[in-house]
Amino acid sequence: MEWINFLIVAFPAVFTIVNPLGAVGPFLAMTNRDGVDKRNSTAYRACMVAAGVLLVCAAIGGFVFQFFGITLPALKVAGGSLLFLVAMDMVNARASGSKATDEEREEGSLKEDIAIFPLGIPLLSGPGSMVTVFILVEKAKTLEQHLLIYVSIVLTMFLSLVMLRQASRLAHYLGATGINVMSRIMGLILAAIAVQFILNGLLEALPGLKGA
């Protein structure tokens, strides 16, 4: 079915670029002095903030493109390039600069409340996540497909909340090596999605390439 095919593309794209597993380490580092209740509250509010940001992006995506005169092929090539850079950082198990810089993470560790910044924004809902949602919005042709984007965002943030609330256990069972391995796998998936975005954008902008 068409909606299943769209969901198979939309959910992995959103979940992989958000990469909640990659946020486990920074989350534990920035909440190392907090009790369980406060840590859970921080995780909940951060996921709510990130969900709100991405849902707003899904709602206003079409308006943004019309206002700035951005075409879908241009967005796919530019967005795919950005996602590919993020994917390379994930494959190499490096913290992505497009999500949060070292200075932002250090500032977060000193803040009393990190739920909004830097955890909710930009760790869980950074530029890469926003671009991914924008691309999916332009790709969606029916109301059903638009609704599936919202479903993908909500489901991703629900899973992110579960992972952050179980961050200590994940870090204990997987360890740094396990988390890096999972991040590399997700990075490889994201790289493939990014390349597909770029190829689709080039073929739509330059249809003559199909003949070549």
N, C-alpha and C. Protein backbone atom coordinates (compact mmCIF):
# COMPACT_ATOMS: atom_id res chain seq x y z
N MET A 1 0.83 -1.20 0.00
CA MET A 1 0.00 0.00 0.00
C MET A 1 0.87 1.25 0.00
N GLU A 2 0.34 2.31 -0.61
CA GLU A 2 1.13 3.53 -0.77
C GLU A 2 1.50 4.17 0.56
N TRP A 3 0.58 4.14 1.54
CA TRP A 3 0.87 4.80 2.82
C TRP A 3 1.94 4.03 3.59
N ILE A 4 1.97 2.72 3.41
CA ILE A 4 3.01 1.92 4.07
C ILE A 4 4.38 2.26 3.48
N ASN A 5 4.44 2.39 2.17
CA ASN A 5 5.70 2.73 1.51
C ASN A 5 6.20 4.09 1.99
N PHE A 6 5.28 5.05 2.15
CA PHE A 6 5.68 6.38 2.61
C PHE A 6 6.16 6.33 4.06
N LEU A 7 5.46 5.56 4.89
CA LEU A 7 5.85 5.44 6.29
C LEU A 7 7.21 4.78 6.43
N ILE A 8 7.50 3.82 5.56
CA ILE A 8 8.79 3.12 5.59
C ILE A 8 9.93 4.10 5.30
N VAL A 9 9.63 5.15 4.52
CA VAL A 9 10.64 6.18 4.23
C VAL A 9 10.67 7.23 5.33
N ALA A 10 9.48 7.70 5.74
CA ALA A 10 9.38 8.84 6.66
C ALA A 10 9.91 8.53 8.06
N PHE A 11 9.45 7.44 8.66
CA PHE A 11 9.84 7.16 10.04
C PHE A 11 11.34 6.90 10.19
N PRO A 12 11.95 6.02 9.38
CA PRO A 12 13.40 5.84 9.52
C PRO A 12 14.18 7.12 9.29
N ALA A 13 13.72 7.97 8.35
CA ALA A 13 14.44 9.22 8.08
C ALA A 13 14.42 10.13 9.30
N VAL A 14 13.24 10.30 9.92
CA VAL A 14 13.13 11.17 11.09
C VAL A 14 13.89 10.57 12.28
N PHE A 15 13.68 9.29 12.54
CA PHE A 15 14.30 8.65 13.71
C PHE A 15 15.82 8.66 13.60
N THR A 16 16.32 8.38 12.41
CA THR A 16 17.78 8.29 12.24
C THR A 16 18.45 9.63 12.39
N ILE A 17 17.86 10.69 11.83
CA ILE A 17 18.50 12.01 11.95
C ILE A 17 18.37 12.56 13.36
N VAL A 18 17.26 12.28 14.06
CA VAL A 18 17.14 12.70 15.46
C VAL A 18 18.18 11.96 16.31
N ASN A 19 18.36 10.65 16.02
CA ASN A 19 19.38 9.84 16.67
C ASN A 19 19.37 9.97 18.20
N PRO A 20 18.28 9.53 18.84
CA PRO A 20 18.20 9.65 20.31
C PRO A 20 19.30 8.89 21.03
N LEU A 21 19.78 7.81 20.42
CA LEU A 21 20.87 7.05 21.06
C LEU A 21 22.12 7.91 21.18
N GLY A 22 22.34 8.77 20.19
CA GLY A 22 23.50 9.65 20.23
C GLY A 22 23.38 10.73 21.28
N ALA A 23 22.15 10.97 21.75
CA ALA A 23 21.94 11.99 22.78
C ALA A 23 22.10 11.43 24.19
N VAL A 24 22.21 10.10 24.30
CA VAL A 24 22.31 9.45 25.62
C VAL A 24 23.54 9.94 26.38
N GLY A 25 24.71 9.94 25.71
CA GLY A 25 25.95 10.36 26.37
C GLY A 25 25.90 11.79 26.87
N PRO A 26 25.58 12.77 25.98
CA PRO A 26 25.47 14.16 26.45
C PRO A 26 24.41 14.34 27.54
N PHE A 27 23.31 13.61 27.43
CA PHE A 27 22.24 13.72 28.43
C PHE A 27 22.74 13.27 29.80
N LEU A 28 23.44 12.16 29.86
CA LEU A 28 23.97 11.66 31.13
C LEU A 28 25.02 12.62 31.70
N ALA A 29 25.85 13.17 30.81
CA ALA A 29 26.90 14.08 31.27
C ALA A 29 26.31 15.37 31.84
N MET A 30 25.23 15.86 31.23
CA MET A 30 24.65 17.13 31.67
C MET A 30 23.70 16.97 32.84
N THR A 31 23.32 15.72 33.16
CA THR A 31 22.40 15.50 34.29
C THR A 31 23.04 14.61 35.36
N ASN A 32 24.35 14.58 35.38
CA ASN A 32 25.03 13.65 36.31
C ASN A 32 24.80 13.99 37.78
N ARG A 33 24.41 15.25 38.06
CA ARG A 33 24.16 15.64 39.45
C ARG A 33 22.67 15.57 39.81
N ASP A 34 21.83 15.21 38.85
CA ASP A 34 20.39 15.22 39.07
C ASP A 34 19.89 13.85 39.56
N GLY A 35 18.80 13.89 40.33
CA GLY A 35 18.16 12.66 40.77
C GLY A 35 17.33 12.07 39.64
N VAL A 36 16.78 10.88 39.87
CA VAL A 36 16.02 10.17 38.84
C VAL A 36 14.80 10.98 38.41
N ASP A 37 14.06 11.54 39.35
CA ASP A 37 12.84 12.29 39.03
C ASP A 37 13.15 13.50 38.16
N LYS A 38 14.18 14.26 38.52
CA LYS A 38 14.51 15.43 37.74
C LYS A 38 15.03 15.05 36.36
N ARG A 39 15.79 13.96 36.30
CA ARG A 39 16.31 13.50 35.01
C ARG A 39 15.16 13.08 34.09
N ASN A 40 14.18 12.37 34.64
CA ASN A 40 13.03 11.96 33.85
C ASN A 40 12.22 13.17 33.39
N SER A 41 12.08 14.15 34.28
CA SER A 41 11.34 15.37 33.93
C SER A 41 12.05 16.13 32.82
N THR A 42 13.38 16.19 32.90
CA THR A 42 14.16 16.87 31.87
C THR A 42 13.99 16.18 30.53
N ALA A 43 14.05 14.85 30.54
CA ALA A 43 13.89 14.08 29.30
C ALA A 43 12.51 14.32 28.69
N TYR A 44 11.48 14.33 29.54
CA TYR A 44 10.11 14.52 29.05
C TYR A 44 9.96 15.90 28.41
N ARG A 45 10.42 16.94 29.09
CA ARG A 45 10.26 18.29 28.56
C ARG A 45 11.09 18.51 27.31
N ALA A 46 12.27 17.91 27.25
CA ALA A 46 13.12 18.04 26.07
C ALA A 46 12.45 17.40 24.85
N CYS A 47 11.87 16.24 25.05
CA CYS A 47 11.19 15.55 23.94
C CYS A 47 9.94 16.31 23.50
N MET A 48 9.25 16.92 24.46
CA MET A 48 8.08 17.72 24.12
C MET A 48 8.48 18.95 23.30
N VAL A 49 9.57 19.59 23.70
CA VAL A 49 10.07 20.76 22.97
C VAL A 49 10.47 20.36 21.55
N ALA A 50 11.25 19.27 21.44
CA ALA A 50 11.70 18.82 20.13
C ALA A 50 10.53 18.42 19.24
N ALA A 51 9.54 17.73 19.83
CA ALA A 51 8.36 17.34 19.06
C ALA A 51 7.62 18.58 18.57
N GLY A 52 7.49 19.59 19.45
CA GLY A 52 6.81 20.83 19.05
C GLY A 52 7.51 21.51 17.90
N VAL A 53 8.84 21.58 17.95
CA VAL A 53 9.61 22.23 16.89
C VAL A 53 9.41 21.52 15.55
N LEU A 54 9.52 20.18 15.56
CA LEU A 54 9.40 19.42 14.31
C LEU A 54 7.96 19.42 13.78
N LEU A 55 6.98 19.40 14.69
CA LEU A 55 5.59 19.45 14.25
C LEU A 55 5.27 20.80 13.61
N VAL A 56 5.83 21.87 14.16
CA VAL A 56 5.65 23.19 13.56
C VAL A 56 6.30 23.22 12.18
N CYS A 57 7.48 22.63 12.05
CA CYS A 57 8.16 22.57 10.75
C CYS A 57 7.29 21.82 9.74
N ALA A 58 6.66 20.74 10.20
CA ALA A 58 5.78 19.97 9.30
C ALA A 58 4.56 20.79 8.90
N ALA A 59 4.08 21.64 9.79
CA ALA A 59 2.87 22.42 9.53
C ALA A 59 3.12 23.59 8.58
N ILE A 60 4.30 24.22 8.72
CA ILE A 60 4.55 25.44 7.94
C ILE A 60 5.52 25.22 6.79
N GLY A 61 5.92 23.97 6.56
CA GLY A 61 6.90 23.70 5.52
C GLY A 61 6.52 24.25 4.16
N GLY A 62 5.28 23.99 3.72
CA GLY A 62 4.83 24.46 2.42
C GLY A 62 4.86 25.97 2.31
N PHE A 63 4.46 26.65 3.36
CA PHE A 63 4.46 28.12 3.36
C PHE A 63 5.88 28.67 3.23
N VAL A 64 6.82 28.04 3.94
CA VAL A 64 8.21 28.50 3.89
C VAL A 64 8.75 28.41 2.47
N PHE A 65 8.45 27.31 1.79
CA PHE A 65 8.96 27.14 0.43
C PHE A 65 8.36 28.16 -0.53
N GLN A 66 7.07 28.42 -0.39
CA GLN A 66 6.42 29.40 -1.26
C GLN A 66 6.95 30.81 -0.99
N PHE A 67 7.17 31.13 0.28
CA PHE A 67 7.61 32.47 0.65
C PHE A 67 9.00 32.76 0.10
N PHE A 68 9.90 31.78 0.22
CA PHE A 68 11.29 31.99 -0.23
C PHE A 68 11.51 31.52 -1.67
N GLY A 69 10.50 30.95 -2.30
CA GLY A 69 10.64 30.48 -3.67
C GLY A 69 11.60 29.31 -3.81
N ILE A 70 11.61 28.44 -2.82
CA ILE A 70 12.51 27.28 -2.83
C ILE A 70 11.83 26.13 -3.56
N THR A 71 12.54 25.53 -4.50
CA THR A 71 11.99 24.38 -5.23
C THR A 71 12.37 23.09 -4.50
N LEU A 72 11.59 22.05 -4.75
CA LEU A 72 11.86 20.77 -4.10
C LEU A 72 13.22 20.18 -4.50
N PRO A 73 13.61 20.21 -5.79
CA PRO A 73 14.94 19.69 -6.14
C PRO A 73 16.07 20.39 -5.39
N ALA A 74 15.97 21.73 -5.26
CA ALA A 74 17.01 22.48 -4.54
C ALA A 74 17.07 22.04 -3.09
N LEU A 75 15.89 21.86 -2.48
CA LEU A 75 15.85 21.44 -1.08
C LEU A 75 16.42 20.04 -0.91
N LYS A 76 16.12 19.16 -1.85
CA LYS A 76 16.62 17.79 -1.74
C LYS A 76 18.15 17.74 -1.84
N VAL A 77 18.71 18.52 -2.76
CA VAL A 77 20.17 18.52 -2.92
C VAL A 77 20.84 19.15 -1.71
N ALA A 78 20.33 20.33 -1.28
CA ALA A 78 20.93 21.02 -0.13
C ALA A 78 20.72 20.22 1.15
N GLY A 79 19.48 19.76 1.36
CA GLY A 79 19.18 18.98 2.56
C GLY A 79 19.93 17.66 2.59
N GLY A 80 20.00 17.00 1.44
CA GLY A 80 20.73 15.73 1.38
C GLY A 80 22.20 15.91 1.69
N SER A 81 22.77 17.03 1.22
CA SER A 81 24.19 17.31 1.50
C SER A 81 24.41 17.51 3.00
N LEU A 82 23.50 18.26 3.64
CA LEU A 82 23.62 18.48 5.08
C LEU A 82 23.47 17.17 5.84
N LEU A 83 22.49 16.35 5.44
CA LEU A 83 22.27 15.08 6.12
C LEU A 83 23.47 14.15 5.93
N PHE A 84 24.11 14.22 4.76
CA PHE A 84 25.27 13.37 4.52
C PHE A 84 26.42 13.74 5.45
N LEU A 85 26.61 15.05 5.69
CA LEU A 85 27.66 15.48 6.62
C LEU A 85 27.38 14.97 8.03
N VAL A 86 26.10 15.05 8.44
CA VAL A 86 25.72 14.52 9.75
C VAL A 86 25.97 13.02 9.80
N ALA A 87 25.62 12.33 8.71
CA ALA A 87 25.81 10.88 8.66
C ALA A 87 27.28 10.50 8.79
N MET A 88 28.17 11.27 8.17
CA MET A 88 29.59 10.97 8.27
C MET A 88 30.09 11.12 9.71
N ASP A 89 29.57 12.12 10.41
CA ASP A 89 29.93 12.27 11.83
C ASP A 89 29.44 11.06 12.62
N MET A 90 28.24 10.57 12.30
CA MET A 90 27.71 9.40 13.01
C MET A 90 28.51 8.15 12.69
N VAL A 91 28.88 7.98 11.44
CA VAL A 91 29.67 6.80 11.04
C VAL A 91 31.02 6.80 11.74
N ASN A 92 31.59 8.00 11.92
CA ASN A 92 32.88 8.12 12.60
C ASN A 92 32.75 8.30 14.10
N ALA A 93 31.48 8.16 14.60
CA ALA A 93 31.19 8.26 16.05
C ALA A 93 31.67 9.58 16.62
N ARG A 94 31.45 10.66 15.83
CA ARG A 94 31.80 12.00 16.31
C ARG A 94 30.52 12.77 16.60
N ALA A 95 30.60 13.67 17.55
CA ALA A 95 29.45 14.54 17.83
C ALA A 95 29.29 15.51 16.67
N SER A 96 28.10 15.58 16.11
CA SER A 96 27.86 16.42 14.94
C SER A 96 27.81 17.89 15.32
N GLY A 97 28.58 18.70 14.60
CA GLY A 97 28.58 20.14 14.84
C GLY A 97 27.28 20.80 14.42
N SER A 98 26.50 20.13 13.55
CA SER A 98 25.24 20.70 13.11
C SER A 98 24.16 20.54 14.17
N LYS A 99 24.43 19.72 15.17
CA LYS A 99 23.47 19.55 16.26
C LYS A 99 23.82 20.43 17.44
N ALA A 100 25.02 20.27 17.93
CA ALA A 100 25.44 21.12 19.05
C ALA A 100 26.96 21.18 19.07
N THR A 101 27.50 22.36 19.25
CA THR A 101 28.94 22.52 19.32
C THR A 101 29.44 22.14 20.70
N ASP A 102 30.77 22.01 20.83
CA ASP A 102 31.37 21.69 22.13
C ASP A 102 31.03 22.78 23.16
N GLU A 103 31.03 24.03 22.69
CA GLU A 103 30.72 25.14 23.60
C GLU A 103 29.29 25.05 24.12
N GLU A 104 28.36 24.66 23.24
CA GLU A 104 26.96 24.53 23.64
C GLU A 104 26.78 23.39 24.64
N ARG A 105 27.47 22.28 24.39
CA ARG A 105 27.36 21.16 25.33
C ARG A 105 27.97 21.51 26.68
N GLU A 106 29.10 22.25 26.66
CA GLU A 106 29.73 22.66 27.91
C GLU A 106 28.82 23.62 28.67
N GLU A 107 28.19 24.54 27.95
CA GLU A 107 27.27 25.48 28.58
C GLU A 107 26.08 24.72 29.17
N GLY A 108 25.63 23.68 28.45
CA GLY A 108 24.51 22.89 28.93
C GLY A 108 24.82 22.18 30.24
N SER A 109 26.05 21.72 30.38
CA SER A 109 26.43 21.02 31.60
C SER A 109 26.45 21.94 32.81
N LEU A 110 26.55 23.25 32.56
CA LEU A 110 26.59 24.22 33.65
C LEU A 110 25.22 24.81 33.95
N LYS A 111 24.25 24.58 33.05
CA LYS A 111 22.94 25.16 33.24
C LYS A 111 22.12 24.37 34.23
N GLU A 112 21.20 25.06 34.88
CA GLU A 112 20.31 24.40 35.84
C GLU A 112 19.26 23.58 35.12
N ASP A 113 18.78 24.08 33.98
CA ASP A 113 17.76 23.39 33.21
C ASP A 113 18.21 23.26 31.76
N ILE A 114 18.41 22.04 31.31
CA ILE A 114 18.92 21.81 29.95
C ILE A 114 17.84 21.29 29.01
N ALA A 115 16.60 21.23 29.48
CA ALA A 115 15.54 20.60 28.69
C ALA A 115 15.35 21.28 27.34
N ILE A 116 15.29 22.62 27.36
CA ILE A 116 15.06 23.35 26.10
C ILE A 116 16.36 23.45 25.31
N PHE A 117 17.38 23.97 25.96
CA PHE A 117 18.69 24.11 25.32
C PHE A 117 19.77 23.55 26.23
N PRO A 118 20.64 22.68 25.74
CA PRO A 118 20.79 22.25 24.35
C PRO A 118 20.14 20.89 24.04
N LEU A 119 19.38 20.30 24.99
CA LEU A 119 18.86 18.95 24.76
C LEU A 119 17.73 18.94 23.74
N GLY A 120 16.68 19.75 24.02
CA GLY A 120 15.56 19.77 23.08
C GLY A 120 15.96 20.37 21.74
N ILE A 121 16.65 21.51 21.83
CA ILE A 121 17.20 22.19 20.66
C ILE A 121 18.66 22.53 20.97
N PRO A 122 19.65 22.06 20.23
CA PRO A 122 19.53 21.40 18.93
C PRO A 122 19.81 19.89 18.94
N LEU A 123 20.03 19.28 20.11
CA LEU A 123 20.42 17.86 20.11
C LEU A 123 19.34 16.96 19.50
N LEU A 124 18.08 17.18 19.89
CA LEU A 124 17.00 16.33 19.37
C LEU A 124 16.32 16.92 18.14
N SER A 125 16.32 18.23 18.03
CA SER A 125 15.66 18.86 16.87
C SER A 125 16.56 19.94 16.30
N GLY A 126 17.62 19.49 15.64
CA GLY A 126 18.57 20.42 15.05
C GLY A 126 18.24 20.71 13.59
N PRO A 127 19.12 21.42 12.90
CA PRO A 127 18.90 21.77 11.49
C PRO A 127 18.66 20.55 10.60
N GLY A 128 19.40 19.46 10.86
CA GLY A 128 19.22 18.25 10.05
C GLY A 128 17.82 17.68 10.18
N SER A 129 17.30 17.65 11.41
CA SER A 129 15.95 17.14 11.64
C SER A 129 14.91 18.01 10.95
N MET A 130 15.09 19.33 11.04
CA MET A 130 14.14 20.26 10.42
C MET A 130 14.14 20.10 8.91
N VAL A 131 15.33 19.98 8.32
CA VAL A 131 15.44 19.82 6.87
C VAL A 131 14.78 18.52 6.43
N THR A 132 14.98 17.47 7.19
CA THR A 132 14.36 16.18 6.86
C THR A 132 12.85 16.30 6.83
N VAL A 133 12.28 16.97 7.84
CA VAL A 133 10.83 17.16 7.88
C VAL A 133 10.37 18.00 6.71
N PHE A 134 11.11 19.06 6.38
CA PHE A 134 10.75 19.92 5.23
C PHE A 134 10.71 19.10 3.94
N ILE A 135 11.71 18.24 3.75
CA ILE A 135 11.76 17.42 2.53
C ILE A 135 10.58 16.46 2.48
N LEU A 136 10.25 15.86 3.61
CA LEU A 136 9.13 14.93 3.66
C LEU A 136 7.81 15.64 3.37
N VAL A 137 7.68 16.87 3.88
CA VAL A 137 6.46 17.65 3.64
C VAL A 137 6.28 17.90 2.15
N GLU A 138 7.35 18.27 1.46
CA GLU A 138 7.26 18.53 0.04
C GLU A 138 7.03 17.24 -0.75
N LYS A 139 7.49 16.14 -0.20
CA LYS A 139 7.32 14.85 -0.88
C LYS A 139 5.91 14.31 -0.71
N ALA A 140 5.24 14.66 0.39
CA ALA A 140 3.89 14.16 0.67
C ALA A 140 2.89 14.77 -0.31
N LYS A 141 2.07 13.93 -0.90
CA LYS A 141 1.11 14.40 -1.90
C LYS A 141 -0.33 14.33 -1.40
N THR A 142 -0.60 13.52 -0.41
CA THR A 142 -1.96 13.35 0.08
C THR A 142 -2.04 13.72 1.56
N LEU A 143 -3.28 13.93 2.04
CA LEU A 143 -3.49 14.23 3.45
C LEU A 143 -2.99 13.09 4.32
N GLU A 144 -3.19 11.88 3.85
CA GLU A 144 -2.75 10.69 4.59
C GLU A 144 -1.23 10.70 4.78
N GLN A 145 -0.50 11.06 3.74
CA GLN A 145 0.96 11.10 3.83
C GLN A 145 1.42 12.22 4.75
N HIS A 146 0.74 13.35 4.74
CA HIS A 146 1.08 14.43 5.67
C HIS A 146 0.86 13.98 7.11
N LEU A 147 -0.23 13.25 7.35
CA LEU A 147 -0.50 12.75 8.70
C LEU A 147 0.58 11.77 9.14
N LEU A 148 1.10 10.99 8.20
CA LEU A 148 2.15 10.02 8.53
C LEU A 148 3.44 10.71 8.96
N ILE A 149 3.68 11.93 8.47
CA ILE A 149 4.85 12.69 8.92
C ILE A 149 4.69 13.03 10.40
N TYR A 150 3.48 13.49 10.77
CA TYR A 150 3.21 13.80 12.18
C TYR A 150 3.36 12.55 13.04
N VAL A 151 2.85 11.42 12.53
CA VAL A 151 2.96 10.15 13.26
C VAL A 151 4.43 9.78 13.45
N SER A 152 5.24 9.96 12.42
CA SER A 152 6.67 9.63 12.49
C SER A 152 7.38 10.48 13.53
N ILE A 153 7.02 11.78 13.59
CA ILE A 153 7.64 12.68 14.56
C ILE A 153 7.25 12.28 15.98
N VAL A 154 5.96 12.05 16.21
CA VAL A 154 5.49 11.68 17.54
C VAL A 154 6.09 10.35 17.99
N LEU A 155 6.12 9.38 17.09
CA LEU A 155 6.68 8.07 17.43
C LEU A 155 8.17 8.18 17.73
N THR A 156 8.88 8.98 16.95
CA THR A 156 10.32 9.19 17.18
C THR A 156 10.56 9.80 18.54
N MET A 157 9.77 10.81 18.91
CA MET A 157 9.97 11.46 20.19
C MET A 157 9.55 10.58 21.36
N PHE A 158 8.56 9.73 21.14
CA PHE A 158 8.19 8.77 22.18
C PHE A 158 9.35 7.80 22.44
N LEU A 159 9.94 7.28 21.38
CA LEU A 159 11.08 6.37 21.53
C LEU A 159 12.28 7.10 22.12
N SER A 160 12.44 8.38 21.75
CA SER A 160 13.53 9.17 22.33
C SER A 160 13.35 9.32 23.83
N LEU A 161 12.10 9.55 24.25
CA LEU A 161 11.81 9.68 25.68
C LEU A 161 12.13 8.39 26.42
N VAL A 162 11.75 7.27 25.83
CA VAL A 162 12.04 5.96 26.45
C VAL A 162 13.54 5.77 26.59
N MET A 163 14.29 6.09 25.54
CA MET A 163 15.74 5.90 25.58
C MET A 163 16.40 6.83 26.60
N LEU A 164 15.96 8.07 26.67
CA LEU A 164 16.57 9.00 27.62
C LEU A 164 16.24 8.61 29.05
N ARG A 165 15.03 8.13 29.28
CA ARG A 165 14.67 7.70 30.64
C ARG A 165 15.42 6.43 31.04
N GLN A 166 15.83 5.65 30.05
CA GLN A 166 16.62 4.45 30.32
C GLN A 166 18.09 4.66 29.97
N ALA A 167 18.52 5.92 29.96
CA ALA A 167 19.88 6.25 29.52
C ALA A 167 20.95 5.54 30.34
N SER A 168 20.76 5.50 31.66
CA SER A 168 21.76 4.85 32.52
C SER A 168 21.88 3.37 32.19
N ARG A 169 20.75 2.71 31.98
CA ARG A 169 20.79 1.28 31.65
C ARG A 169 21.40 1.05 30.28
N LEU A 170 21.03 1.90 29.31
CA LEU A 170 21.60 1.75 27.98
C LEU A 170 23.11 1.92 28.02
N ALA A 171 23.57 2.94 28.74
CA ALA A 171 25.01 3.18 28.84
C ALA A 171 25.71 2.02 29.53
N HIS A 172 25.02 1.40 30.52
CA HIS A 172 25.61 0.29 31.26
C HIS A 172 25.70 -0.97 30.40
N TYR A 173 24.61 -1.29 29.70
CA TYR A 173 24.57 -2.54 28.93
C TYR A 173 25.31 -2.43 27.60
N LEU A 174 25.16 -1.29 26.93
CA LEU A 174 25.82 -1.15 25.63
C LEU A 174 27.26 -0.67 25.76
N GLY A 175 27.49 0.20 26.75
CA GLY A 175 28.82 0.78 26.89
C GLY A 175 29.09 1.76 25.77
N ALA A 176 30.20 2.44 25.86
CA ALA A 176 30.57 3.42 24.84
C ALA A 176 30.74 2.77 23.47
N THR A 177 31.33 1.54 23.47
CA THR A 177 31.55 0.84 22.20
C THR A 177 30.23 0.46 21.55
N GLY A 178 29.30 -0.06 22.34
CA GLY A 178 28.00 -0.45 21.80
C GLY A 178 27.23 0.72 21.25
N ILE A 179 27.24 1.83 21.97
CA ILE A 179 26.54 3.03 21.50
C ILE A 179 27.17 3.54 20.20
N ASN A 180 28.51 3.50 20.12
CA ASN A 180 29.19 3.93 18.90
C ASN A 180 28.86 3.03 17.72
N VAL A 181 28.77 1.72 17.97
CA VAL A 181 28.43 0.77 16.90
C VAL A 181 27.02 1.06 16.37
N MET A 182 26.07 1.26 17.29
CA MET A 182 24.70 1.56 16.89
C MET A 182 24.64 2.89 16.15
N SER A 183 25.41 3.86 16.61
CA SER A 183 25.44 5.16 15.94
C SER A 183 26.00 5.04 14.53
N ARG A 184 27.01 4.20 14.35
CA ARG A 184 27.59 4.00 13.02
C ARG A 184 26.59 3.35 12.07
N ILE A 185 25.83 2.38 12.59
CA ILE A 185 24.82 1.72 11.76
C ILE A 185 23.75 2.72 11.32
N MET A 186 23.29 3.53 12.29
CA MET A 186 22.29 4.54 11.96
C MET A 186 22.86 5.59 11.01
N GLY A 187 24.15 5.90 11.17
CA GLY A 187 24.80 6.85 10.27
C GLY A 187 24.86 6.33 8.85
N LEU A 188 25.10 5.01 8.71
CA LEU A 188 25.14 4.40 7.38
C LEU A 188 23.78 4.48 6.71
N ILE A 189 22.72 4.22 7.50
CA ILE A 189 21.36 4.31 6.97
C ILE A 189 21.06 5.75 6.55
N LEU A 190 21.44 6.70 7.40
CA LEU A 190 21.20 8.10 7.09
C LEU A 190 21.97 8.54 5.86
N ALA A 191 23.20 8.04 5.68
CA ALA A 191 23.99 8.39 4.51
C ALA A 191 23.30 7.92 3.23
N ALA A 192 22.74 6.71 3.28
CA ALA A 192 22.02 6.18 2.12
C ALA A 192 20.78 7.04 1.81
N ILE A 193 20.06 7.44 2.86
CA ILE A 193 18.89 8.29 2.67
C ILE A 193 19.31 9.64 2.08
N ALA A 194 20.42 10.20 2.58
CA ALA A 194 20.90 11.49 2.10
C ALA A 194 21.29 11.42 0.62
N VAL A 195 22.01 10.37 0.25
CA VAL A 195 22.42 10.21 -1.15
C VAL A 195 21.20 10.07 -2.05
N GLN A 196 20.18 9.33 -1.57
CA GLN A 196 18.96 9.17 -2.36
C GLN A 196 18.25 10.51 -2.55
N PHE A 197 18.23 11.33 -1.49
CA PHE A 197 17.66 12.67 -1.60
C PHE A 197 18.39 13.47 -2.68
N ILE A 198 19.72 13.43 -2.65
CA ILE A 198 20.52 14.20 -3.61
C ILE A 198 20.28 13.71 -5.04
N LEU A 199 20.27 12.38 -5.22
CA LEU A 199 20.04 11.81 -6.56
C LEU A 199 18.67 12.19 -7.09
N ASN A 200 17.65 12.09 -6.23
CA ASN A 200 16.31 12.46 -6.65
C ASN A 200 16.23 13.93 -7.04
N GLY A 201 16.89 14.79 -6.23
CA GLY A 201 16.89 16.22 -6.52
C GLY A 201 17.57 16.54 -7.85
N LEU A 202 18.71 15.88 -8.11
CA LEU A 202 19.42 16.12 -9.36
C LEU A 202 18.61 15.64 -10.57
N LEU A 203 17.96 14.48 -10.42
CA LEU A 203 17.17 13.94 -11.54
C LEU A 203 15.95 14.82 -11.82
N GLU A 204 15.38 15.41 -10.76
CA GLU A 204 14.22 16.28 -10.96
C GLU A 204 14.64 17.63 -11.56
N ALA A 205 15.79 18.13 -11.14
CA ALA A 205 16.27 19.42 -11.67
C ALA A 205 16.87 19.27 -13.06
N LEU A 206 17.49 18.13 -13.32
CA LEU A 206 18.15 17.88 -14.60
C LEU A 206 17.63 16.57 -15.19
N PRO A 207 16.42 16.56 -15.72
CA PRO A 207 15.83 15.31 -16.21
C PRO A 207 16.63 14.65 -17.32
N GLY A 208 17.48 15.44 -17.99
CA GLY A 208 18.31 14.86 -19.03
C GLY A 208 19.27 13.80 -18.52
N LEU A 209 19.57 13.83 -17.21
CA LEU A 209 20.48 12.84 -16.63
C LEU A 209 19.91 11.43 -16.73
N LYS A 210 18.58 11.31 -16.76
CA LYS A 210 17.96 9.98 -16.85
C LYS A 210 18.34 9.32 -18.18
N GLY A 211 18.36 10.14 -19.23
CA GLY A 211 18.74 9.58 -20.53
C GLY A 211 20.18 9.15 -20.55
N ALA A 212 21.05 9.95 -19.85
CA ALA A 212 22.48 9.59 -19.79
C ALA A 212 22.67 8.30 -19.03
